Amino acid sequence: MDERESQISEQLANAEQKENDAREEAEKQQKIREKLEQEWDESLARIKHELQLRREEMMKKARESVDQAEKNWRNSLTKQRSAFLRELRQLSCHQVCQVSKKVLADLANEKLENQLIRSFLNQLEDLKDNKEQNFRLSDLKGEKEVEIHTAFKLRKEDKDLIAEKIKDLARKQVVVVFKESGDLICGIELKSEGKKISWSIESYLDALEKSLK
């Protein structure tokens, strides 16, 4: 009987030990699962963060690429517009000069150059007593050089007429030098001491160009 009881007690002890071992193993597996789940959550969060950073970087590069493309397009458009206006300006100048010459010749039997000279001399006359004008011929010092630039070749009598008018308005002896300038558009320009007085069709073309812009 004692032996039987001893066997039963031993079996119960073994069963209890197995139960304890099973419980410990279950707890151990639970901790492993929890640790794996934690590591998985951390890895997933890290991957999401890296993906978000990469997405933001790609979006930034895409925006920069779009901005650069737009900038290049605008620069190209500006260059095309400038080239168009420059070409139109040259064409307009040619057409205006040609039409003006023909109209003056047909209606007044006069050359365009003569009218330009007359308009320029009238402008000098109008400016002689204008105190608001930042450059007046009467302000020139004696023996000062005055340059006259024209878009066309002047005859000797035209040069004499212009020089006489300038000396009269300056009220002193000045040196008048005549030069042809391809940059002028159907006009005449006076330069001295870094300042200038001019009359040309270019001002009308400026207004046309501003309107076209």
Protein backbone atom coordinates (compact mmCIF):
# COMPACT_ATOMS: atom_id res chain seq x y z
CA MET A 1 0.00 0.00 0.00
CA ASP A 2 2.85 2.36 0.93
CA GLU A 3 4.62 1.50 -2.29
CA ARG A 4 1.45 2.26 -4.25
CA GLU A 5 1.05 5.59 -2.54
CA SER A 6 4.69 6.37 -3.22
CA GLN A 7 4.24 5.66 -6.92
CA ILE A 8 1.12 7.83 -7.09
CA SER A 9 2.90 10.68 -5.32
CA GLU A 10 5.82 10.39 -7.70
CA GLN A 11 3.50 10.40 -10.71
CA LEU A 12 1.69 13.45 -9.36
CA ALA A 13 4.99 15.21 -8.78
CA ASN A 14 6.10 14.38 -12.32
CA ALA A 15 2.82 15.62 -13.73
CA GLU A 16 3.10 18.84 -11.72
CA GLN A 17 6.69 19.30 -12.91
CA LYS A 18 5.65 18.75 -16.50
CA GLU A 19 2.83 21.23 -16.03
CA ASN A 20 5.28 23.75 -14.60
CA ASP A 21 7.72 23.10 -17.46
CA ALA A 22 4.92 23.51 -19.96
CA ARG A 23 3.83 26.74 -18.32
CA GLU A 24 7.40 28.07 -18.32
CA GLU A 25 7.80 27.08 -21.98
CA ALA A 26 4.53 28.78 -22.85
CA GLU A 27 5.63 31.92 -21.03
CA LYS A 28 8.97 31.74 -22.80
CA GLN A 29 7.28 31.41 -26.19
CA GLN A 30 4.93 34.25 -25.32
CA LYS A 31 7.89 36.51 -24.53
CA ILE A 32 9.57 35.48 -27.79
CA ARG A 33 6.37 36.30 -29.72
CA GLU A 34 6.05 39.63 -27.95
CA LYS A 35 9.68 40.45 -28.69
CA LEU A 36 9.23 39.45 -32.36
CA GLU A 37 6.07 41.54 -32.59
CA GLN A 38 7.86 44.51 -31.03
CA GLU A 39 10.81 44.11 -33.42
CA TRP A 40 8.35 43.80 -36.33
CA ASP A 41 6.50 46.95 -35.29
CA GLU A 42 9.79 48.82 -34.92
CA SER A 43 11.02 47.56 -38.31
CA LEU A 44 7.71 48.45 -39.94
CA ALA A 45 7.80 51.94 -38.39
CA ARG A 46 11.40 52.41 -39.55
CA ILE A 47 10.53 51.25 -43.08
CA LYS A 48 7.53 53.60 -43.18
CA HIS A 49 9.71 56.46 -41.98
CA GLU A 50 12.38 55.70 -44.59
CA LEU A 51 9.71 55.44 -47.30
CA GLN A 52 8.24 58.78 -46.20
CA LEU A 53 11.68 60.42 -46.32
CA ARG A 54 12.34 58.93 -49.75
CA ARG A 55 8.91 60.05 -50.97
CA GLU A 56 9.55 63.58 -49.71
CA GLU A 57 12.98 63.58 -51.37
CA MET A 58 11.49 62.37 -54.66
CA MET A 59 8.73 64.99 -54.45
CA LYS A 60 11.33 67.68 -53.76
CA LYS A 61 13.40 66.59 -56.76
CA ALA A 62 10.26 66.44 -58.90
CA ARG A 63 9.29 69.98 -57.84
CA GLU A 64 12.82 71.21 -58.48
CA SER A 65 12.74 69.54 -61.89
CA VAL A 66 9.39 71.14 -62.71
CA ASP A 67 10.58 74.54 -61.43
CA GLN A 68 13.75 74.28 -63.53
CA ALA A 69 11.75 73.23 -66.58
CA GLU A 70 9.41 76.19 -66.06
CA LYS A 71 12.40 78.52 -65.58
CA ASN A 72 14.00 77.21 -68.77
CA TRP A 73 10.69 77.62 -70.60
CA ARG A 74 10.28 81.19 -69.36
CA ASN A 75 13.88 82.03 -70.31
CA SER A 76 13.30 80.55 -73.75
CA LEU A 77 10.05 82.47 -74.08
CA THR A 78 11.76 85.70 -73.02
CA LYS A 79 14.54 85.17 -75.58
CA GLN A 80 12.00 84.39 -78.29
CA ARG A 81 9.98 87.47 -77.39
CA SER A 82 13.10 89.65 -77.39
CA ALA A 83 14.19 88.24 -80.74
CA PHE A 84 10.69 88.76 -82.15
CA LEU A 85 10.50 92.36 -80.90
CA ARG A 86 14.02 93.09 -82.13
CA GLU A 87 13.18 91.73 -85.57
CA LEU A 88 9.85 93.55 -85.58
CA ARG A 89 11.59 96.76 -84.51
CA GLN A 90 14.05 96.50 -87.37
CA LEU A 91 11.28 95.71 -89.83
CA SER A 92 9.12 98.52 -88.45
CA CYS A 93 12.03 100.95 -88.72
CA HIS A 94 12.64 100.00 -92.31
CA GLN A 95 8.97 100.25 -93.20
CA VAL A 96 8.45 103.54 -91.34
CA CYS A 97 11.48 105.11 -92.98
CA GLN A 98 10.48 103.89 -96.42
CA VAL A 99 6.88 105.04 -96.05
CA SER A 100 7.97 108.41 -94.59
CA LYS A 101 10.37 109.00 -97.45
CA LYS A 102 7.71 108.18 -100.01
CA VAL A 103 5.03 110.31 -98.33
CA LEU A 104 7.31 113.32 -98.01
CA ALA A 105 8.53 112.93 -101.55
CA ASP A 106 5.01 112.55 -102.95
CA LEU A 107 3.29 115.23 -100.88
CA ALA A 108 5.98 117.82 -100.20
CA ASN A 109 8.66 117.00 -102.72
CA GLU A 110 11.08 116.81 -99.78
CA LYS A 111 13.53 114.28 -98.44
CA LEU A 112 13.02 112.63 -95.06
CA GLU A 113 16.52 113.65 -93.99
CA ASN A 114 15.69 117.35 -94.46
CA GLN A 115 12.61 117.02 -92.25
CA LEU A 116 14.63 115.21 -89.57
CA ILE A 117 17.22 117.96 -89.51
CA ARG A 118 14.55 120.61 -89.25
CA SER A 119 12.76 118.78 -86.41
CA PHE A 120 16.04 118.34 -84.54
CA LEU A 121 16.97 122.03 -84.85
CA ASN A 122 13.49 122.99 -83.67
CA GLN A 123 13.94 120.75 -80.65
CA LEU A 124 17.26 122.43 -79.79
CA GLU A 125 15.53 125.80 -80.05
CA ASP A 126 12.69 124.68 -77.76
CA LEU A 127 15.12 123.42 -75.12
CA LYS A 128 17.41 126.45 -74.96
CA ASP A 129 15.46 128.22 -72.17
CA ASN A 130 14.04 125.15 -70.44
CA LYS A 131 15.46 125.30 -66.91
CA GLU A 132 14.17 121.81 -66.11
CA GLN A 133 16.27 120.34 -68.93
CA ASN A 134 19.35 118.63 -67.45
CA PHE A 135 21.45 119.53 -70.49
CA ARG A 136 21.41 122.86 -72.33
CA LEU A 137 23.85 124.04 -74.96
CA SER A 138 24.33 127.31 -73.08
CA ASP A 139 25.86 125.28 -70.23
CA LEU A 140 28.76 124.13 -72.43
CA LYS A 141 32.21 125.53 -71.79
CA GLY A 142 34.08 127.30 -74.55
CA GLU A 143 35.97 125.18 -77.11
CA LYS A 144 34.05 122.14 -75.89
CA GLU A 145 33.59 119.31 -78.40
CA VAL A 146 30.05 118.49 -79.49
CA GLU A 147 29.34 115.29 -81.44
CA ILE A 148 26.48 115.06 -83.90
CA HIS A 149 25.50 111.47 -84.74
CA THR A 150 23.20 110.77 -87.66
CA ALA A 151 21.77 107.62 -89.20
CA PHE A 152 22.46 109.05 -92.67
CA LYS A 153 25.21 110.94 -94.43
CA LEU A 154 24.95 114.72 -94.13
CA ARG A 155 25.63 117.14 -96.94
CA LYS A 156 28.10 119.96 -96.32
CA GLU A 157 25.36 122.58 -96.28
CA ASP A 158 23.45 120.51 -93.68
CA LYS A 159 26.56 120.27 -91.50
CA ASP A 160 27.12 124.02 -91.76
CA LEU A 161 23.47 124.69 -90.85
CA ILE A 162 23.61 122.44 -87.77
CA ALA A 163 27.00 123.75 -86.60
CA GLU A 164 25.85 127.35 -86.94
CA LYS A 165 22.69 126.63 -84.94
CA ILE A 166 24.61 124.90 -82.15
CA LYS A 167 27.17 127.70 -81.83
CA ASP A 168 24.36 130.26 -81.80
CA LEU A 169 22.50 128.46 -79.01
CA ALA A 170 25.69 127.80 -77.02
CA ARG A 171 26.60 131.53 -77.33
CA LYS A 172 30.24 130.56 -77.54
CA GLN A 173 32.70 128.79 -79.82
CA VAL A 174 32.39 125.01 -79.69
CA VAL A 175 33.89 122.27 -81.84
CA VAL A 176 31.22 120.37 -83.77
CA VAL A 177 32.15 116.86 -84.97
CA PHE A 178 29.86 114.86 -87.25
CA LYS A 179 29.64 111.05 -87.15
CA GLU A 180 27.42 108.47 -88.81
CA SER A 181 25.85 105.87 -86.49
CA GLY A 182 24.13 102.70 -87.64
CA ASP A 183 22.51 102.35 -84.20
CA LEU A 184 20.29 105.37 -84.69
CA ILE A 185 16.88 104.83 -86.25
CA CYS A 186 16.06 107.64 -88.66
CA GLY A 187 17.30 110.29 -86.27
CA ILE A 188 19.91 112.78 -85.09
CA GLU A 189 21.69 112.83 -81.75
CA LEU A 190 23.86 115.45 -80.03
CA LYS A 191 26.40 114.26 -77.45
CA SER A 192 28.67 116.26 -75.18
CA GLU A 193 30.04 115.89 -71.65
CA GLY A 194 28.41 112.49 -71.29
CA LYS A 195 24.93 113.87 -72.01
CA LYS A 196 22.82 113.89 -75.12
CA ILE A 197 19.87 115.44 -76.94
CA SER A 198 18.25 113.38 -79.66
CA TRP A 199 15.29 113.18 -82.01
CA SER A 200 14.40 110.03 -83.89
CA ILE A 201 11.60 107.71 -84.91
CA GLU A 202 12.83 105.33 -82.21
CA SER A 203 10.60 106.90 -79.56
CA TYR A 204 7.56 105.97 -81.65
CA LEU A 205 8.89 102.44 -82.01
CA ASP A 206 9.38 102.30 -78.21
CA ALA A 207 5.67 103.02 -77.78
CA LEU A 208 4.82 100.34 -80.37
CA GLU A 209 7.07 97.80 -78.64
CA LYS A 210 5.55 98.60 -75.22
CA SER A 211 2.07 98.08 -76.66
CA LEU A 212 3.09 94.76 -78.22
CA LYS A 213 4.58 93.52 -74.92
